[in-house]
N, C-alpha and C. Protein backbone atom coordinates (compact mmCIF):
# COMPACT_ATOMS: atom_id res chain seq x y z
N MET A 1 -1.48 13.73 -47.95
CA MET A 1 -1.13 12.36 -47.63
C MET A 1 -1.18 12.12 -46.12
N PHE A 2 -0.58 13.04 -45.36
CA PHE A 2 -0.58 12.89 -43.90
C PHE A 2 -2.00 12.98 -43.34
N ILE A 3 -2.82 13.84 -43.91
CA ILE A 3 -4.21 14.00 -43.45
C ILE A 3 -4.98 12.70 -43.67
N THR A 4 -4.78 12.07 -44.83
CA THR A 4 -5.45 10.80 -45.11
C THR A 4 -5.00 9.74 -44.10
N PHE A 5 -3.71 9.69 -43.85
CA PHE A 5 -3.17 8.75 -42.87
C PHE A 5 -3.80 8.97 -41.50
N LEU A 6 -3.86 10.23 -41.09
CA LEU A 6 -4.43 10.58 -39.79
C LEU A 6 -5.91 10.21 -39.72
N LYS A 7 -6.65 10.49 -40.80
CA LYS A 7 -8.06 10.16 -40.86
C LYS A 7 -8.26 8.64 -40.73
N ASN A 8 -7.43 7.87 -41.42
CA ASN A 8 -7.53 6.40 -41.35
C ASN A 8 -7.21 5.89 -39.94
N ARG A 9 -6.25 6.51 -39.27
CA ARG A 9 -5.91 6.09 -37.89
C ARG A 9 -7.08 6.37 -36.95
N LEU A 10 -7.72 7.53 -37.12
CA LEU A 10 -8.87 7.87 -36.29
C LEU A 10 -10.03 6.90 -36.53
N LEU A 11 -10.24 6.53 -37.77
CA LEU A 11 -11.29 5.57 -38.10
C LEU A 11 -10.97 4.20 -37.47
N ALA A 12 -9.73 3.79 -37.55
CA ALA A 12 -9.32 2.52 -36.94
C ALA A 12 -9.50 2.58 -35.43
N SER A 13 -9.23 3.70 -34.82
CA SER A 13 -9.43 3.86 -33.37
C SER A 13 -10.90 3.71 -33.01
N LYS A 14 -11.78 4.19 -33.88
CA LYS A 14 -13.21 4.05 -33.64
C LYS A 14 -13.59 2.58 -33.53
N TYR A 15 -13.06 1.75 -34.42
CA TYR A 15 -13.35 0.31 -34.38
C TYR A 15 -12.74 -0.35 -33.15
N ALA A 16 -11.56 0.09 -32.78
CA ALA A 16 -10.91 -0.46 -31.59
C ALA A 16 -11.71 -0.13 -30.33
N ILE A 17 -12.18 1.10 -30.23
CA ILE A 17 -12.99 1.50 -29.08
C ILE A 17 -14.30 0.72 -29.07
N LYS A 18 -14.91 0.55 -30.24
CA LYS A 18 -16.13 -0.25 -30.34
C LYS A 18 -15.89 -1.68 -29.84
N GLY A 19 -14.77 -2.28 -30.23
CA GLY A 19 -14.43 -3.62 -29.78
C GLY A 19 -14.19 -3.68 -28.28
N ALA A 20 -13.49 -2.69 -27.74
CA ALA A 20 -13.24 -2.65 -26.30
C ALA A 20 -14.54 -2.53 -25.52
N LEU A 21 -15.44 -1.68 -25.99
CA LEU A 21 -16.73 -1.52 -25.31
C LEU A 21 -17.57 -2.79 -25.41
N THR A 22 -17.50 -3.47 -26.55
CA THR A 22 -18.21 -4.74 -26.71
C THR A 22 -17.68 -5.77 -25.71
N LEU A 23 -16.37 -5.83 -25.55
CA LEU A 23 -15.78 -6.74 -24.58
C LEU A 23 -16.26 -6.43 -23.16
N ILE A 24 -16.19 -5.17 -22.79
CA ILE A 24 -16.58 -4.77 -21.43
C ILE A 24 -18.06 -5.05 -21.18
N LYS A 25 -18.90 -4.81 -22.18
CA LYS A 25 -20.34 -5.02 -22.02
C LYS A 25 -20.73 -6.49 -21.97
N ASN A 26 -20.07 -7.33 -22.76
CA ASN A 26 -20.56 -8.68 -22.98
C ASN A 26 -19.74 -9.81 -22.36
N GLU A 27 -18.54 -9.55 -21.90
CA GLU A 27 -17.68 -10.63 -21.43
C GLU A 27 -17.45 -10.56 -19.93
N PRO A 28 -18.00 -11.53 -19.20
CA PRO A 28 -17.83 -11.53 -17.74
C PRO A 28 -16.37 -11.53 -17.28
N SER A 29 -15.49 -12.21 -18.01
CA SER A 29 -14.08 -12.23 -17.62
C SER A 29 -13.45 -10.84 -17.74
N ILE A 30 -13.81 -10.12 -18.78
CA ILE A 30 -13.30 -8.76 -18.96
C ILE A 30 -13.91 -7.84 -17.90
N GLN A 31 -15.17 -8.03 -17.58
CA GLN A 31 -15.81 -7.23 -16.53
C GLN A 31 -15.10 -7.44 -15.20
N LEU A 32 -14.79 -8.69 -14.88
CA LEU A 32 -14.07 -8.99 -13.64
C LEU A 32 -12.68 -8.35 -13.65
N GLN A 33 -11.97 -8.48 -14.77
CA GLN A 33 -10.64 -7.89 -14.87
C GLN A 33 -10.70 -6.36 -14.77
N THR A 34 -11.75 -5.76 -15.30
CA THR A 34 -11.91 -4.31 -15.20
C THR A 34 -12.12 -3.89 -13.74
N ILE A 35 -12.94 -4.65 -13.02
CA ILE A 35 -13.16 -4.36 -11.59
C ILE A 35 -11.87 -4.52 -10.80
N ILE A 36 -11.13 -5.60 -11.07
CA ILE A 36 -9.84 -5.81 -10.40
C ILE A 36 -8.89 -4.67 -10.74
N SER A 37 -8.87 -4.26 -12.00
CA SER A 37 -7.99 -3.16 -12.43
C SER A 37 -8.30 -1.87 -11.69
N ILE A 38 -9.58 -1.58 -11.53
CA ILE A 38 -9.99 -0.38 -10.79
C ILE A 38 -9.53 -0.51 -9.33
N GLY A 39 -9.70 -1.70 -8.77
CA GLY A 39 -9.28 -1.93 -7.38
C GLY A 39 -7.79 -1.73 -7.16
N VAL A 40 -6.97 -2.32 -8.04
CA VAL A 40 -5.52 -2.16 -7.85
C VAL A 40 -5.07 -0.75 -8.18
N THR A 41 -5.80 -0.06 -9.05
CA THR A 41 -5.47 1.35 -9.32
C THR A 41 -5.74 2.19 -8.08
N ILE A 42 -6.86 1.95 -7.44
CA ILE A 42 -7.16 2.65 -6.17
C ILE A 42 -6.09 2.31 -5.14
N ALA A 43 -5.71 1.03 -5.06
CA ALA A 43 -4.66 0.61 -4.11
C ALA A 43 -3.35 1.34 -4.40
N GLY A 44 -3.06 1.55 -5.68
CA GLY A 44 -1.84 2.28 -6.04
C GLY A 44 -1.83 3.69 -5.47
N PHE A 45 -2.98 4.35 -5.48
CA PHE A 45 -3.06 5.69 -4.89
C PHE A 45 -3.00 5.63 -3.37
N VAL A 46 -3.69 4.66 -2.80
CA VAL A 46 -3.72 4.53 -1.33
C VAL A 46 -2.31 4.25 -0.79
N PHE A 47 -1.57 3.36 -1.45
CA PHE A 47 -0.25 2.98 -0.97
C PHE A 47 0.86 3.85 -1.57
N ASP A 48 0.50 4.83 -2.36
CA ASP A 48 1.44 5.79 -2.93
C ASP A 48 2.63 5.07 -3.59
N ILE A 49 2.32 4.21 -4.56
CA ILE A 49 3.38 3.45 -5.21
C ILE A 49 4.22 4.37 -6.10
N SER A 50 5.44 3.94 -6.37
CA SER A 50 6.38 4.75 -7.14
C SER A 50 6.02 4.75 -8.62
N ALA A 51 6.67 5.61 -9.38
CA ALA A 51 6.43 5.69 -10.82
C ALA A 51 6.78 4.36 -11.50
N THR A 52 7.85 3.73 -11.06
CA THR A 52 8.23 2.44 -11.63
C THR A 52 7.19 1.37 -11.30
N GLN A 53 6.68 1.39 -10.08
CA GLN A 53 5.64 0.44 -9.69
C GLN A 53 4.36 0.68 -10.49
N TRP A 54 4.03 1.95 -10.74
CA TRP A 54 2.87 2.27 -11.58
C TRP A 54 3.07 1.69 -12.98
N MET A 55 4.29 1.81 -13.49
CA MET A 55 4.59 1.31 -14.82
C MET A 55 4.35 -0.21 -14.88
N PHE A 56 4.88 -0.92 -13.90
CA PHE A 56 4.69 -2.37 -13.88
C PHE A 56 3.23 -2.75 -13.66
N GLN A 57 2.55 -2.01 -12.80
CA GLN A 57 1.14 -2.30 -12.55
C GLN A 57 0.31 -2.08 -13.82
N CYS A 58 0.53 -0.98 -14.51
CA CYS A 58 -0.20 -0.71 -15.76
C CYS A 58 0.12 -1.77 -16.81
N PHE A 59 1.37 -2.19 -16.86
CA PHE A 59 1.74 -3.25 -17.80
C PHE A 59 0.99 -4.54 -17.47
N ALA A 60 0.93 -4.89 -16.19
CA ALA A 60 0.24 -6.12 -15.77
C ALA A 60 -1.24 -6.05 -16.11
N ILE A 61 -1.87 -4.92 -15.84
CA ILE A 61 -3.29 -4.75 -16.15
C ILE A 61 -3.50 -4.90 -17.66
N GLY A 62 -2.70 -4.21 -18.44
CA GLY A 62 -2.82 -4.29 -19.89
C GLY A 62 -2.58 -5.69 -20.43
N LEU A 63 -1.59 -6.36 -19.85
CA LEU A 63 -1.27 -7.72 -20.27
C LEU A 63 -2.46 -8.66 -20.08
N VAL A 64 -3.06 -8.62 -18.90
CA VAL A 64 -4.17 -9.54 -18.60
C VAL A 64 -5.39 -9.20 -19.44
N ILE A 65 -5.74 -7.94 -19.53
CA ILE A 65 -6.93 -7.58 -20.31
C ILE A 65 -6.71 -7.88 -21.79
N THR A 66 -5.52 -7.65 -22.30
CA THR A 66 -5.21 -8.00 -23.69
C THR A 66 -5.33 -9.50 -23.91
N ALA A 67 -4.75 -10.29 -23.01
CA ALA A 67 -4.83 -11.74 -23.14
C ALA A 67 -6.28 -12.22 -23.09
N GLU A 68 -7.08 -11.64 -22.18
CA GLU A 68 -8.49 -12.01 -22.09
C GLU A 68 -9.23 -11.66 -23.38
N GLY A 69 -8.93 -10.50 -23.94
CA GLY A 69 -9.58 -10.09 -25.19
C GLY A 69 -9.21 -11.00 -26.34
N LEU A 70 -7.93 -11.35 -26.45
CA LEU A 70 -7.50 -12.26 -27.51
C LEU A 70 -8.10 -13.65 -27.32
N ASN A 71 -8.18 -14.10 -26.07
CA ASN A 71 -8.81 -15.39 -25.78
C ASN A 71 -10.27 -15.38 -26.22
N THR A 72 -10.97 -14.31 -25.92
CA THR A 72 -12.37 -14.19 -26.33
C THR A 72 -12.49 -14.22 -27.85
N ALA A 73 -11.61 -13.49 -28.55
CA ALA A 73 -11.65 -13.48 -30.01
C ALA A 73 -11.40 -14.88 -30.58
N ILE A 74 -10.44 -15.59 -30.01
CA ILE A 74 -10.15 -16.95 -30.47
C ILE A 74 -11.34 -17.86 -30.23
N GLU A 75 -11.95 -17.76 -29.05
CA GLU A 75 -13.11 -18.60 -28.75
C GLU A 75 -14.28 -18.28 -29.69
N GLU A 76 -14.53 -17.01 -29.94
CA GLU A 76 -15.62 -16.63 -30.84
C GLU A 76 -15.37 -17.14 -32.26
N MET A 77 -14.14 -17.02 -32.72
CA MET A 77 -13.80 -17.49 -34.05
C MET A 77 -13.94 -19.02 -34.13
N ALA A 78 -13.46 -19.70 -33.12
CA ALA A 78 -13.56 -21.16 -33.10
C ALA A 78 -15.02 -21.61 -33.09
N ASN A 79 -15.85 -20.94 -32.30
CA ASN A 79 -17.28 -21.27 -32.26
C ASN A 79 -17.95 -21.00 -33.60
N PHE A 80 -17.51 -19.97 -34.29
CA PHE A 80 -18.07 -19.64 -35.60
C PHE A 80 -17.68 -20.69 -36.64
N ILE A 81 -16.41 -21.08 -36.62
CA ILE A 81 -15.90 -22.04 -37.59
C ILE A 81 -16.48 -23.43 -37.35
N HIS A 82 -16.57 -23.81 -36.09
CA HIS A 82 -17.04 -25.15 -35.76
C HIS A 82 -17.99 -25.08 -34.57
N PRO A 83 -19.29 -24.81 -34.81
CA PRO A 83 -20.25 -24.60 -33.72
C PRO A 83 -20.47 -25.80 -32.81
N THR A 84 -20.28 -27.01 -33.33
CA THR A 84 -20.46 -28.18 -32.48
C THR A 84 -19.16 -28.50 -31.76
N GLN A 85 -19.27 -29.30 -30.72
CA GLN A 85 -18.09 -29.64 -29.94
C GLN A 85 -17.11 -30.46 -30.78
N ASN A 86 -15.84 -30.07 -30.71
CA ASN A 86 -14.80 -30.73 -31.50
C ASN A 86 -13.53 -30.77 -30.67
N PRO A 87 -12.87 -31.92 -30.58
CA PRO A 87 -11.66 -32.03 -29.76
C PRO A 87 -10.55 -31.06 -30.17
N LYS A 88 -10.35 -30.86 -31.46
CA LYS A 88 -9.29 -29.93 -31.91
C LYS A 88 -9.61 -28.49 -31.50
N ILE A 89 -10.87 -28.09 -31.65
CA ILE A 89 -11.30 -26.76 -31.24
C ILE A 89 -11.13 -26.62 -29.73
N GLY A 90 -11.44 -27.68 -29.00
CA GLY A 90 -11.26 -27.67 -27.54
C GLY A 90 -9.81 -27.43 -27.16
N ILE A 91 -8.88 -28.05 -27.87
CA ILE A 91 -7.45 -27.84 -27.60
C ILE A 91 -7.06 -26.39 -27.88
N ILE A 92 -7.55 -25.85 -28.99
CA ILE A 92 -7.26 -24.45 -29.33
C ILE A 92 -7.76 -23.52 -28.22
N LYS A 93 -8.98 -23.75 -27.77
CA LYS A 93 -9.55 -22.92 -26.70
C LYS A 93 -8.76 -23.08 -25.40
N ASP A 94 -8.35 -24.29 -25.09
CA ASP A 94 -7.57 -24.53 -23.87
C ASP A 94 -6.22 -23.80 -23.92
N ILE A 95 -5.59 -23.83 -25.08
CA ILE A 95 -4.30 -23.13 -25.23
C ILE A 95 -4.48 -21.62 -25.05
N ALA A 96 -5.54 -21.07 -25.65
CA ALA A 96 -5.81 -19.63 -25.49
C ALA A 96 -6.08 -19.30 -24.02
N ALA A 97 -6.84 -20.15 -23.34
CA ALA A 97 -7.10 -19.93 -21.91
C ALA A 97 -5.81 -20.06 -21.10
N GLY A 98 -4.93 -20.96 -21.52
CA GLY A 98 -3.64 -21.10 -20.85
C GLY A 98 -2.80 -19.84 -20.95
N ALA A 99 -2.88 -19.16 -22.08
CA ALA A 99 -2.15 -17.90 -22.24
C ALA A 99 -2.67 -16.85 -21.26
N VAL A 100 -3.98 -16.83 -21.06
CA VAL A 100 -4.57 -15.91 -20.08
C VAL A 100 -4.05 -16.28 -18.68
N PHE A 101 -3.98 -17.56 -18.39
CA PHE A 101 -3.47 -18.02 -17.09
C PHE A 101 -2.05 -17.51 -16.86
N PHE A 102 -1.17 -17.63 -17.86
CA PHE A 102 0.20 -17.14 -17.72
C PHE A 102 0.22 -15.63 -17.48
N ALA A 103 -0.62 -14.89 -18.19
CA ALA A 103 -0.69 -13.44 -18.00
C ALA A 103 -1.17 -13.11 -16.59
N ALA A 104 -2.17 -13.84 -16.11
CA ALA A 104 -2.71 -13.59 -14.77
C ALA A 104 -1.67 -13.90 -13.70
N ILE A 105 -0.94 -15.00 -13.86
CA ILE A 105 0.11 -15.35 -12.89
C ILE A 105 1.18 -14.26 -12.88
N THR A 106 1.55 -13.78 -14.05
CA THR A 106 2.54 -12.69 -14.14
C THR A 106 2.03 -11.46 -13.40
N ALA A 107 0.77 -11.12 -13.59
CA ALA A 107 0.18 -9.96 -12.92
C ALA A 107 0.17 -10.15 -11.40
N VAL A 108 -0.15 -11.34 -10.94
CA VAL A 108 -0.15 -11.61 -9.49
C VAL A 108 1.26 -11.46 -8.92
N VAL A 109 2.26 -11.97 -9.63
CA VAL A 109 3.65 -11.85 -9.15
C VAL A 109 4.04 -10.37 -9.09
N ILE A 110 3.71 -9.61 -10.12
CA ILE A 110 4.00 -8.17 -10.11
C ILE A 110 3.29 -7.49 -8.94
N GLY A 111 2.03 -7.84 -8.73
CA GLY A 111 1.28 -7.28 -7.60
C GLY A 111 1.92 -7.62 -6.26
N CYS A 112 2.41 -8.84 -6.13
CA CYS A 112 3.08 -9.23 -4.88
C CYS A 112 4.35 -8.41 -4.66
N PHE A 113 5.14 -8.22 -5.72
CA PHE A 113 6.35 -7.40 -5.59
C PHE A 113 6.01 -5.98 -5.16
N ILE A 114 4.90 -5.45 -5.66
CA ILE A 114 4.52 -4.08 -5.34
C ILE A 114 3.92 -3.97 -3.95
N TYR A 115 2.97 -4.87 -3.62
CA TYR A 115 2.15 -4.64 -2.42
C TYR A 115 2.58 -5.39 -1.17
N ILE A 116 3.24 -6.52 -1.28
CA ILE A 116 3.65 -7.22 -0.05
C ILE A 116 4.56 -6.36 0.82
N PRO A 117 5.52 -5.65 0.26
CA PRO A 117 6.36 -4.79 1.12
C PRO A 117 5.58 -3.66 1.80
N LYS A 118 4.40 -3.34 1.31
CA LYS A 118 3.60 -2.25 1.90
C LYS A 118 2.92 -2.68 3.20
N PHE A 119 2.89 -4.02 3.45
CA PHE A 119 2.20 -4.51 4.64
C PHE A 119 3.15 -4.80 5.77
């Protein structure tokens, strides 16, 4: 029973990795967030941030990339359901983009708390 469970989890991970790679390959917003993530990770080493700061920084990176991925999924689904322009679909897409905006603002605030004192 445990082996079957483990096998199913590994299979699910395969699909998750496939989805992550698809996002990185095809979505400019995710590509930009990945570059920013690499940059702030390098900055973390350069400025020798604390373990707690690393925790918050990793959380912020994960939050923004997750929000971007969910936004992309919502947009793709909306485009599939209603390929032509529709005001209701537009509102749905705007709300999803707004969630990304909140995540990005949160990440910027966390970055300011971490890096402004370093200057």
